[in-house]
Amino acid sequence: METGIDKEKLLYYRALIIKHLRDPIKMRLAVVSASLLVGIGAVYVPFSNRLAKQHAKLEKQIAKANSIHDVENLRKQINLYANRIPEVSATNGWVQYILGGIRENHVKLRDMSSRQPRRVGPYKALVMEMELDGTYANLKNFIEWLEQSDRLLRIDSIRFKKRQDCLLMKIVVLGLVRGNATKNR
C-alpha cells in the first residue's frame, strides 16, 4: 500500500532534524518553541476564553449595579419633593389652593378655567388658565406667592394688559399632581 510519501525524502528530513537537534542550542530552541506552542494551545486559549466570559459577566453586573444606584438616586430625589405634592391633589384641591393665594394677595379673579391635564412621567400637570386684575404690587405679590409656593407648580405663560384703573393679567399655571388624582374628589 502506497501512501504517496517519498521514503527517501522522509529519511532525508529525519536525518536533517536529528542533525539539528544534536546541537544543544538548537535543541533548546526547539524545546522552548514546542513548550510555547503547547502552552499557548493548552493554557492561554482556554483561559482567555474563560476570562472573556467572566469579563462579559462582570460588565453585566456593573451595569446592573449602576442601574440600582440610579434607581436609589431617583428615589432620594422623589423623597426631596414628595412633601411638595399633596396626598389629596385633585382639581378641586388645586382650585382651592389657588383661590387662597388670590385672596391672600388681594387680587380680583375675573375668569378661571382648566385645560386638559398634561402627562409628566408618573404625574400629571393640571393646567389652570386665569384672568386676574389688580394693582401692579398685588399682581407681583401673587406671582411671587406662586413662585415660592410649597407645591410644585410652574407659570407656563403670563400676559399683562393695562386698563384705566388696574392691570389685567392672563396667566397659565401648571400644578403637579399624582397621576391618578385628576378627578374631582
N, C-alpha and C. Protein backbone atom coordinates (compact mmCIF):
# COMPACT_ATOMS: atom_id res chain seq x y z
N MET A 1 0.85 -1.17 0.00
CA MET A 1 0.00 0.00 0.00
C MET A 1 0.89 1.23 0.00
N GLU A 2 0.63 2.08 -0.91
CA GLU A 2 1.48 3.24 -1.07
C GLU A 2 0.76 4.46 -0.54
N THR A 3 1.47 5.26 0.27
CA THR A 3 0.87 6.43 0.90
C THR A 3 1.15 7.71 0.12
N GLY A 4 1.99 7.66 -0.86
CA GLY A 4 2.30 8.82 -1.67
C GLY A 4 3.43 9.65 -1.09
N ILE A 5 4.09 9.14 -0.05
CA ILE A 5 5.19 9.86 0.56
C ILE A 5 6.47 9.20 0.07
N ASP A 6 7.37 10.01 -0.37
CA ASP A 6 8.65 9.51 -0.85
C ASP A 6 9.52 9.16 0.36
N LYS A 7 9.94 7.87 0.46
CA LYS A 7 10.70 7.41 1.61
C LYS A 7 12.07 8.06 1.68
N GLU A 8 12.65 8.35 0.56
CA GLU A 8 13.97 8.98 0.57
C GLU A 8 13.89 10.40 1.14
N LYS A 9 12.87 11.13 0.76
CA LYS A 9 12.71 12.47 1.32
C LYS A 9 12.42 12.40 2.80
N LEU A 10 11.64 11.44 3.21
CA LEU A 10 11.31 11.27 4.62
C LEU A 10 12.56 10.98 5.43
N LEU A 11 13.38 10.07 4.91
CA LEU A 11 14.63 9.74 5.60
C LEU A 11 15.58 10.94 5.61
N TYR A 12 15.57 11.72 4.55
CA TYR A 12 16.42 12.92 4.49
C TYR A 12 16.00 13.93 5.55
N TYR A 13 14.69 14.21 5.67
CA TYR A 13 14.20 15.17 6.66
C TYR A 13 14.44 14.68 8.08
N ARG A 14 14.30 13.36 8.28
CA ARG A 14 14.56 12.78 9.61
C ARG A 14 16.03 12.97 9.98
N ALA A 15 16.93 12.72 9.05
CA ALA A 15 18.36 12.88 9.31
C ALA A 15 18.68 14.35 9.55
N LEU A 16 18.05 15.25 8.82
CA LEU A 16 18.26 16.68 8.99
C LEU A 16 17.80 17.14 10.38
N ILE A 17 16.66 16.65 10.83
CA ILE A 17 16.14 17.01 12.16
C ILE A 17 17.07 16.49 13.23
N ILE A 18 17.51 15.24 13.10
CA ILE A 18 18.41 14.66 14.10
C ILE A 18 19.72 15.44 14.13
N LYS A 19 20.20 15.83 12.97
CA LYS A 19 21.44 16.59 12.90
C LYS A 19 21.32 17.93 13.64
N HIS A 20 20.20 18.61 13.41
CA HIS A 20 20.00 19.90 14.06
C HIS A 20 19.70 19.76 15.55
N LEU A 21 19.02 18.70 15.94
CA LEU A 21 18.67 18.55 17.35
C LEU A 21 19.86 18.08 18.19
N ARG A 22 20.93 17.61 17.56
CA ARG A 22 22.12 17.22 18.32
C ARG A 22 22.88 18.46 18.81
N ASP A 23 22.66 19.57 18.14
CA ASP A 23 23.27 20.82 18.59
C ASP A 23 22.48 21.30 19.82
N PRO A 24 23.12 21.50 20.98
CA PRO A 24 22.40 21.85 22.21
C PRO A 24 21.60 23.16 22.11
N ILE A 25 22.13 24.13 21.42
CA ILE A 25 21.41 25.41 21.31
C ILE A 25 20.15 25.24 20.49
N LYS A 26 20.26 24.53 19.37
CA LYS A 26 19.09 24.30 18.52
C LYS A 26 18.08 23.41 19.22
N MET A 27 18.59 22.45 20.03
CA MET A 27 17.70 21.57 20.79
C MET A 27 16.91 22.38 21.81
N ARG A 28 17.59 23.28 22.49
CA ARG A 28 16.90 24.13 23.47
C ARG A 28 15.86 25.02 22.79
N LEU A 29 16.23 25.59 21.66
CA LEU A 29 15.30 26.42 20.91
C LEU A 29 14.06 25.63 20.49
N ALA A 30 14.27 24.39 20.04
CA ALA A 30 13.15 23.53 19.63
C ALA A 30 12.27 23.18 20.82
N VAL A 31 12.87 22.87 21.97
CA VAL A 31 12.09 22.51 23.16
C VAL A 31 11.30 23.72 23.67
N VAL A 32 11.96 24.90 23.69
CA VAL A 32 11.27 26.10 24.13
C VAL A 32 10.11 26.43 23.18
N SER A 33 10.34 26.31 21.88
CA SER A 33 9.29 26.58 20.90
C SER A 33 8.12 25.62 21.06
N ALA A 34 8.43 24.32 21.22
CA ALA A 34 7.37 23.32 21.41
C ALA A 34 6.61 23.60 22.71
N SER A 35 7.34 23.94 23.78
CA SER A 35 6.69 24.24 25.06
C SER A 35 5.79 25.47 24.93
N LEU A 36 6.27 26.46 24.20
CA LEU A 36 5.49 27.67 23.99
C LEU A 36 4.21 27.36 23.22
N LEU A 37 4.31 26.58 22.18
CA LEU A 37 3.13 26.21 21.40
C LEU A 37 2.13 25.41 22.23
N VAL A 38 2.65 24.46 23.03
CA VAL A 38 1.76 23.68 23.90
C VAL A 38 1.12 24.60 24.94
N GLY A 39 1.91 25.49 25.49
CA GLY A 39 1.38 26.43 26.49
C GLY A 39 0.29 27.30 25.92
N ILE A 40 0.51 27.81 24.73
CA ILE A 40 -0.50 28.65 24.09
C ILE A 40 -1.75 27.84 23.80
N GLY A 41 -1.56 26.66 23.23
CA GLY A 41 -2.72 25.84 22.85
C GLY A 41 -3.46 25.25 24.04
N ALA A 42 -2.73 24.84 25.07
CA ALA A 42 -3.37 24.14 26.18
C ALA A 42 -3.73 25.06 27.35
N VAL A 43 -3.06 26.20 27.49
CA VAL A 43 -3.29 27.04 28.66
C VAL A 43 -3.90 28.39 28.27
N TYR A 44 -3.24 29.13 27.42
CA TYR A 44 -3.64 30.50 27.14
C TYR A 44 -5.01 30.59 26.48
N VAL A 45 -5.24 29.82 25.43
CA VAL A 45 -6.50 29.92 24.68
C VAL A 45 -7.71 29.58 25.57
N PRO A 46 -7.69 28.44 26.29
CA PRO A 46 -8.85 28.17 27.16
C PRO A 46 -9.06 29.23 28.25
N PHE A 47 -7.95 29.67 28.86
CA PHE A 47 -8.08 30.66 29.91
C PHE A 47 -8.53 32.01 29.36
N SER A 48 -8.08 32.37 28.19
CA SER A 48 -8.52 33.65 27.62
C SER A 48 -10.00 33.62 27.29
N ASN A 49 -10.50 32.45 26.85
CA ASN A 49 -11.94 32.32 26.59
C ASN A 49 -12.73 32.46 27.90
N ARG A 50 -12.25 31.79 28.94
CA ARG A 50 -12.92 31.89 30.23
C ARG A 50 -12.86 33.32 30.76
N LEU A 51 -11.73 33.95 30.57
CA LEU A 51 -11.56 35.32 31.02
C LEU A 51 -12.51 36.26 30.28
N ALA A 52 -12.68 36.05 28.99
CA ALA A 52 -13.60 36.88 28.21
C ALA A 52 -15.04 36.68 28.69
N LYS A 53 -15.43 35.44 29.00
CA LYS A 53 -16.78 35.18 29.52
C LYS A 53 -16.97 35.85 30.88
N GLN A 54 -15.96 35.75 31.74
CA GLN A 54 -16.06 36.38 33.06
C GLN A 54 -16.10 37.90 32.94
N HIS A 55 -15.38 38.43 31.99
CA HIS A 55 -15.39 39.88 31.77
C HIS A 55 -16.79 40.33 31.32
N ALA A 56 -17.42 39.55 30.45
CA ALA A 56 -18.77 39.88 30.00
C ALA A 56 -19.76 39.84 31.17
N LYS A 57 -19.62 38.82 32.03
CA LYS A 57 -20.49 38.73 33.22
C LYS A 57 -20.26 39.91 34.14
N LEU A 58 -19.00 40.30 34.29
CA LEU A 58 -18.67 41.43 35.14
C LEU A 58 -19.29 42.72 34.61
N GLU A 59 -19.23 42.91 33.30
CA GLU A 59 -19.83 44.10 32.69
C GLU A 59 -21.34 44.14 32.94
N LYS A 60 -22.00 42.98 32.85
CA LYS A 60 -23.44 42.92 33.12
C LYS A 60 -23.71 43.28 34.57
N GLN A 61 -22.90 42.76 35.48
CA GLN A 61 -23.10 43.05 36.90
C GLN A 61 -22.85 44.53 37.19
N ILE A 62 -21.86 45.11 36.55
CA ILE A 62 -21.59 46.55 36.74
C ILE A 62 -22.76 47.37 36.22
N ALA A 63 -23.30 46.99 35.06
CA ALA A 63 -24.45 47.71 34.52
C ALA A 63 -25.65 47.58 35.46
N LYS A 64 -25.84 46.40 36.01
CA LYS A 64 -26.95 46.17 36.95
C LYS A 64 -26.76 47.02 38.21
N ALA A 65 -25.53 47.06 38.73
CA ALA A 65 -25.23 47.86 39.93
C ALA A 65 -25.44 49.35 39.64
N ASN A 66 -25.05 49.80 38.45
CA ASN A 66 -25.27 51.19 38.09
C ASN A 66 -26.75 51.52 38.00
N SER A 67 -27.54 50.58 37.47
CA SER A 67 -28.99 50.79 37.39
C SER A 67 -29.59 50.88 38.78
N ILE A 68 -29.15 50.00 39.67
CA ILE A 68 -29.64 50.03 41.05
C ILE A 68 -29.28 51.36 41.70
N HIS A 69 -28.06 51.81 41.47
CA HIS A 69 -27.62 53.09 42.03
C HIS A 69 -28.46 54.24 41.49
N ASP A 70 -28.76 54.21 40.18
CA ASP A 70 -29.58 55.25 39.58
C ASP A 70 -30.99 55.26 40.17
N VAL A 71 -31.57 54.07 40.37
CA VAL A 71 -32.90 53.99 40.95
C VAL A 71 -32.90 54.53 42.38
N GLU A 72 -31.87 54.19 43.15
CA GLU A 72 -31.78 54.71 44.52
C GLU A 72 -31.67 56.24 44.51
N ASN A 73 -30.89 56.79 43.59
CA ASN A 73 -30.77 58.25 43.49
C ASN A 73 -32.10 58.89 43.11
N LEU A 74 -32.83 58.24 42.19
CA LEU A 74 -34.14 58.76 41.80
C LEU A 74 -35.11 58.73 42.97
N ARG A 75 -35.05 57.67 43.76
CA ARG A 75 -35.93 57.59 44.94
C ARG A 75 -35.59 58.68 45.95
N LYS A 76 -34.30 58.96 46.13
CA LYS A 76 -33.90 60.05 47.03
C LYS A 76 -34.44 61.38 46.52
N GLN A 77 -34.35 61.59 45.20
CA GLN A 77 -34.85 62.84 44.63
C GLN A 77 -36.36 62.94 44.77
N ILE A 78 -37.06 61.82 44.61
CA ILE A 78 -38.51 61.83 44.79
C ILE A 78 -38.85 62.20 46.23
N ASN A 79 -38.09 61.67 47.18
CA ASN A 79 -38.34 61.98 48.59
C ASN A 79 -38.11 63.46 48.89
N LEU A 80 -37.20 64.10 48.16
CA LEU A 80 -36.97 65.52 48.36
C LEU A 80 -38.20 66.36 48.01
N TYR A 81 -38.94 65.91 46.99
CA TYR A 81 -40.08 66.68 46.51
C TYR A 81 -41.43 66.08 46.88
N ALA A 82 -41.44 64.95 47.56
CA ALA A 82 -42.70 64.28 47.88
C ALA A 82 -43.60 65.14 48.74
N ASN A 83 -43.02 65.92 49.65
CA ASN A 83 -43.85 66.76 50.51
C ASN A 83 -44.44 67.95 49.77
N ARG A 84 -43.96 68.22 48.56
CA ARG A 84 -44.50 69.33 47.77
C ARG A 84 -45.63 68.89 46.85
N ILE A 85 -45.94 67.59 46.86
CA ILE A 85 -47.08 67.07 46.10
C ILE A 85 -48.05 66.52 47.15
N PRO A 86 -49.14 67.20 47.39
CA PRO A 86 -50.03 66.79 48.47
C PRO A 86 -50.69 65.43 48.20
N GLU A 87 -51.07 64.77 49.31
CA GLU A 87 -51.73 63.46 49.18
C GLU A 87 -53.05 63.59 48.42
N VAL A 88 -53.86 64.56 48.81
CA VAL A 88 -55.12 64.80 48.11
C VAL A 88 -54.87 65.95 47.16
N SER A 89 -54.67 65.64 45.90
CA SER A 89 -54.30 66.69 44.95
C SER A 89 -55.20 66.68 43.73
N ALA A 90 -56.50 66.60 43.96
CA ALA A 90 -57.44 66.63 42.86
C ALA A 90 -57.59 68.07 42.37
N THR A 91 -58.31 68.23 41.31
CA THR A 91 -58.50 69.54 40.71
C THR A 91 -59.12 70.52 41.70
N ASN A 92 -60.11 70.06 42.46
CA ASN A 92 -60.75 70.95 43.44
C ASN A 92 -59.75 71.42 44.49
N GLY A 93 -58.86 70.56 44.91
CA GLY A 93 -57.84 70.95 45.87
C GLY A 93 -56.93 72.03 45.33
N TRP A 94 -56.56 71.91 44.05
CA TRP A 94 -55.70 72.93 43.44
C TRP A 94 -56.45 74.24 43.26
N VAL A 95 -57.72 74.17 42.89
CA VAL A 95 -58.50 75.39 42.72
C VAL A 95 -58.60 76.11 44.06
N GLN A 96 -58.87 75.38 45.13
CA GLN A 96 -58.96 75.99 46.46
C GLN A 96 -57.62 76.60 46.87
N TYR A 97 -56.54 75.91 46.55
CA TYR A 97 -55.20 76.42 46.89
C TYR A 97 -54.93 77.73 46.15
N ILE A 98 -55.22 77.77 44.86
CA ILE A 98 -55.00 78.99 44.05
C ILE A 98 -55.92 80.11 44.53
N LEU A 99 -57.18 79.79 44.83
CA LEU A 99 -58.10 80.81 45.32
C LEU A 99 -57.62 81.39 46.65
N GLY A 100 -57.03 80.56 47.49
CA GLY A 100 -56.47 81.06 48.74
C GLY A 100 -55.35 82.05 48.49
N GLY A 101 -54.50 81.78 47.51
CA GLY A 101 -53.43 82.70 47.15
C GLY A 101 -53.96 83.99 46.56
N ILE A 102 -55.04 83.89 45.80
CA ILE A 102 -55.66 85.08 45.21
C ILE A 102 -56.22 85.97 46.32
N ARG A 103 -56.93 85.37 47.27
CA ARG A 103 -57.49 86.14 48.39
C ARG A 103 -56.38 86.75 49.24
N GLU A 104 -55.33 85.97 49.48
CA GLU A 104 -54.23 86.42 50.33
C GLU A 104 -53.53 87.64 49.74
N ASN A 105 -53.45 87.71 48.42
CA ASN A 105 -52.72 88.79 47.75
C ASN A 105 -53.63 89.89 47.24
N HIS A 106 -54.91 89.86 47.59
CA HIS A 106 -55.88 90.91 47.26
C HIS A 106 -55.94 91.18 45.75
N VAL A 107 -56.04 90.08 45.02
CA VAL A 107 -56.17 90.15 43.57
C VAL A 107 -57.59 89.73 43.22
N LYS A 108 -58.15 90.34 42.20
CA LYS A 108 -59.53 90.03 41.80
C LYS A 108 -59.51 89.00 40.66
N LEU A 109 -60.24 87.91 40.84
CA LEU A 109 -60.33 86.86 39.83
C LEU A 109 -61.47 87.19 38.88
N ARG A 110 -61.15 87.29 37.61
CA ARG A 110 -62.18 87.59 36.61
C ARG A 110 -62.66 86.32 35.93
N ASP A 111 -61.71 85.38 35.67
CA ASP A 111 -62.08 84.14 34.99
C ASP A 111 -61.05 83.07 35.35
N MET A 112 -61.54 81.84 35.49
CA MET A 112 -60.64 80.71 35.76
C MET A 112 -61.19 79.49 35.03
N SER A 113 -60.31 78.82 34.28
CA SER A 113 -60.73 77.60 33.60
C SER A 113 -59.55 76.62 33.61
N SER A 114 -59.89 75.37 33.44
CA SER A 114 -58.81 74.37 33.42
C SER A 114 -58.79 73.71 32.05
N ARG A 115 -57.60 73.39 31.61
CA ARG A 115 -57.41 72.70 30.33
C ARG A 115 -57.17 71.22 30.59
N GLN A 116 -56.97 70.49 29.54
CA GLN A 116 -56.67 69.07 29.64
C GLN A 116 -55.34 68.87 30.38
N PRO A 117 -55.29 68.00 31.39
CA PRO A 117 -54.03 67.76 32.11
C PRO A 117 -52.96 67.19 31.18
N ARG A 118 -51.71 67.52 31.48
CA ARG A 118 -50.58 67.02 30.70
C ARG A 118 -49.90 65.91 31.48
N ARG A 119 -49.39 64.94 30.77
CA ARG A 119 -48.68 63.83 31.40
C ARG A 119 -47.22 64.23 31.63
N VAL A 120 -46.73 64.03 32.87
CA VAL A 120 -45.34 64.35 33.22
C VAL A 120 -44.80 63.15 34.00
N GLY A 121 -44.29 62.16 33.27
CA GLY A 121 -43.78 60.95 33.93
C GLY A 121 -44.91 60.26 34.68
N PRO A 122 -44.67 59.91 35.95
CA PRO A 122 -45.73 59.24 36.72
C PRO A 122 -46.77 60.22 37.26
N TYR A 123 -46.60 61.50 36.99
CA TYR A 123 -47.50 62.53 37.49
C TYR A 123 -48.28 63.15 36.35
N LYS A 124 -49.22 64.01 36.73
CA LYS A 124 -49.94 64.81 35.75
C LYS A 124 -49.83 66.27 36.17
N ALA A 125 -49.84 67.13 35.19
CA ALA A 125 -49.81 68.56 35.46
C ALA A 125 -51.18 69.14 35.13
N LEU A 126 -51.86 69.66 36.16
CA LEU A 126 -53.13 70.32 35.94
C LEU A 126 -52.84 71.71 35.39
N VAL A 127 -53.57 72.07 34.36
CA VAL A 127 -53.34 73.34 33.68
C VAL A 127 -54.51 74.27 34.00
N MET A 128 -54.20 75.37 34.67
CA MET A 128 -55.22 76.36 35.03
C MET A 128 -54.92 77.67 34.33
N GLU A 129 -55.94 78.17 33.67
CA GLU A 129 -55.83 79.44 32.97
C GLU A 129 -56.67 80.45 33.74
N MET A 130 -56.04 81.56 34.13
CA MET A 130 -56.75 82.55 34.95
C MET A 130 -56.60 83.94 34.35
N GLU A 131 -57.60 84.74 34.62
CA GLU A 131 -57.56 86.15 34.26
C GLU A 131 -57.79 86.92 35.55
N LEU A 132 -56.81 87.73 35.91
CA LEU A 132 -56.84 88.44 37.19
C LEU A 132 -56.66 89.93 36.94
N ASP A 133 -57.17 90.74 37.85
CA ASP A 133 -56.85 92.16 37.78
C ASP A 133 -56.55 92.68 39.17
N GLY A 134 -55.77 93.73 39.22
CA GLY A 134 -55.35 94.32 40.48
C GLY A 134 -54.25 95.33 40.23
N THR A 135 -53.70 95.81 41.31
CA THR A 135 -52.59 96.75 41.18
C THR A 135 -51.32 95.98 40.81
N TYR A 136 -50.35 96.75 40.34
CA TYR A 136 -49.08 96.12 39.98
C TYR A 136 -48.48 95.39 41.18
N ALA A 137 -48.49 96.02 42.34
CA ALA A 137 -47.89 95.42 43.54
C ALA A 137 -48.62 94.14 43.94
N ASN A 138 -49.96 94.13 43.86
CA ASN A 138 -50.71 92.93 44.23
C ASN A 138 -50.46 91.79 43.25
N LEU A 139 -50.42 92.09 41.96
CA LEU A 139 -50.14 91.05 40.96
C LEU A 139 -48.72 90.52 41.12
N LYS A 140 -47.78 91.41 41.40
CA LYS A 140 -46.39 90.99 41.65
C LYS A 140 -46.33 90.08 42.87
N ASN A 141 -47.05 90.44 43.93
CA ASN A 141 -47.07 89.60 45.13
C ASN A 141 -47.69 88.23 44.85
N PHE A 142 -48.72 88.20 44.00
CA PHE A 142 -49.34 86.92 43.65
C PHE A 142 -48.36 86.03 42.87
N ILE A 143 -47.65 86.63 41.93
CA ILE A 143 -46.66 85.86 41.16
C ILE A 143 -45.56 85.35 42.08
N GLU A 144 -45.11 86.18 43.00
CA GLU A 144 -44.10 85.73 43.96
C GLU A 144 -44.64 84.61 44.85
N TRP A 145 -45.91 84.71 45.22
CA TRP A 145 -46.54 83.66 46.02
C TRP A 145 -46.54 82.34 45.24
N LEU A 146 -46.85 82.41 43.95
CA LEU A 146 -46.83 81.20 43.12
C LEU A 146 -45.42 80.62 43.04
N GLU A 147 -44.43 81.49 42.81
CA GLU A 147 -43.06 81.02 42.66
C GLU A 147 -42.50 80.42 43.94
N GLN A 148 -42.93 80.92 45.09
CA GLN A 148 -42.43 80.44 46.37
C GLN A 148 -43.38 79.45 47.02
N SER A 149 -44.30 78.94 46.23
CA SER A 149 -45.32 78.03 46.73
C SER A 149 -44.70 76.76 47.30
N ASP A 150 -45.41 76.17 48.28
CA ASP A 150 -44.92 74.91 48.84
C ASP A 150 -45.35 73.72 47.99
N ARG A 151 -46.01 73.97 46.90
CA ARG A 151 -46.39 72.92 45.95
C ARG A 151 -45.57 73.07 44.67
N LEU A 152 -45.46 71.97 43.93
CA LEU A 152 -44.72 72.03 42.67
C LEU A 152 -45.63 72.57 41.58
N LEU A 153 -45.31 73.75 41.12
CA LEU A 153 -46.06 74.35 40.03
C LEU A 153 -45.14 75.20 39.19
N ARG A 154 -45.65 75.57 38.04
CA ARG A 154 -44.87 76.37 37.11
C ARG A 154 -45.79 77.34 36.40
N ILE A 155 -45.30 78.55 36.19
CA ILE A 155 -46.05 79.53 35.40
C ILE A 155 -45.67 79.28 33.95
N ASP A 156 -46.65 78.85 33.16
CA ASP A 156 -46.39 78.49 31.77
C ASP A 156 -46.38 79.72 30.88
N SER A 157 -47.32 80.61 31.10
CA SER A 157 -47.33 81.85 30.31
C SER A 157 -47.99 82.95 31.15
N ILE A 158 -47.62 84.16 30.82
CA ILE A 158 -48.17 85.31 31.54
C ILE A 158 -48.24 86.49 30.58
N ARG A 159 -49.35 87.21 30.62
CA ARG A 159 -49.53 88.40 29.77
C ARG A 159 -50.20 89.50 30.60
N PHE A 160 -49.76 90.70 30.35
CA PHE A 160 -50.31 91.85 31.05
C PHE A 160 -50.98 92.78 30.05
N LYS A 161 -52.05 93.41 30.53
CA LYS A 161 -52.74 94.41 29.70
C LYS A 161 -53.14 95.55 30.64
N LYS A 162 -52.79 96.75 30.25
CA LYS A 162 -53.08 97.90 31.10
C LYS A 162 -54.51 98.37 30.86
N ARG A 163 -55.22 98.57 31.98
CA ARG A 163 -56.57 99.13 31.94
C ARG A 163 -56.53 100.51 32.56
N GLN A 164 -57.64 101.20 32.56
CA GLN A 164 -57.65 102.56 33.11
C GLN A 164 -57.35 102.58 34.61
N ASP A 165 -58.00 101.71 35.34
CA ASP A 165 -57.87 101.77 36.79
C ASP A 165 -57.06 100.61 37.38
N CYS A 166 -56.70 99.63 36.57
CA CYS A 166 -55.96 98.48 37.10
C CYS A 166 -55.14 97.82 35.98
N LEU A 167 -54.49 96.75 36.37
CA LEU A 167 -53.68 95.98 35.43
C LEU A 167 -54.33 94.62 35.27
N LEU A 168 -54.51 94.15 34.04
CA LEU A 168 -55.13 92.86 33.76
C LEU A 168 -54.02 91.85 33.46
N MET A 169 -54.10 90.70 34.09
CA MET A 169 -53.07 89.67 33.89
C MET A 169 -53.75 88.37 33.49
N LYS A 170 -53.26 87.80 32.39
CA LYS A 170 -53.69 86.46 31.97
C LYS A 170 -52.52 85.53 32.25
N ILE A 171 -52.78 84.47 33.00
CA ILE A 171 -51.69 83.59 33.44
C ILE A 171 -52.15 82.14 33.29
N VAL A 172 -51.20 81.30 32.89
CA VAL A 172 -51.44 79.86 32.81
C VAL A 172 -50.48 79.20 33.78
N VAL A 173 -51.04 78.45 34.73
CA VAL A 173 -50.25 77.80 35.78
C VAL A 173 -50.41 76.29 35.65
N LEU A 174 -49.27 75.58 35.71
CA LEU A 174 -49.28 74.12 35.71
C LEU A 174 -48.93 73.65 37.11
N GLY A 175 -49.77 72.80 37.67
CA GLY A 175 -49.53 72.27 39.01
C GLY A 175 -49.38 70.76 38.96
N LEU A 176 -48.33 70.25 39.56
CA LEU A 176 -48.04 68.83 39.54
C LEU A 176 -48.92 68.09 40.55
N VAL A 177 -49.57 67.00 40.10
CA VAL A 177 -50.41 66.17 40.96
C VAL A 177 -50.06 64.71 40.71
N ARG A 178 -50.50 63.87 41.61
CA ARG A 178 -50.29 62.43 41.42
C ARG A 178 -51.05 61.97 40.19
N GLY A 179 -50.55 60.96 39.51
CA GLY A 179 -51.10 60.53 38.22
C GLY A 179 -52.56 60.14 38.24
N ASN A 180 -53.07 59.64 39.35
CA ASN A 180 -54.45 59.19 39.41
C ASN A 180 -55.37 60.20 40.09
N ALA A 181 -54.93 61.43 40.27
CA ALA A 181 -55.70 62.41 41.05
C ALA A 181 -56.30 63.51 40.20
N THR A 182 -56.66 63.24 38.96
CA THR A 182 -57.19 64.31 38.12
C THR A 182 -58.70 64.42 38.23
N LYS A 183 -59.37 63.47 38.85
CA LYS A 183 -60.82 63.54 39.01
C LYS A 183 -61.14 64.37 40.24
N ASN A 184 -62.26 65.04 40.19
CA ASN A 184 -62.68 65.83 41.35
C ASN A 184 -63.06 64.91 42.49
N ARG A 185 -62.66 65.30 43.68
CA ARG A 185 -62.99 64.49 44.86
C ARG A 185 -63.95 65.23 45.75
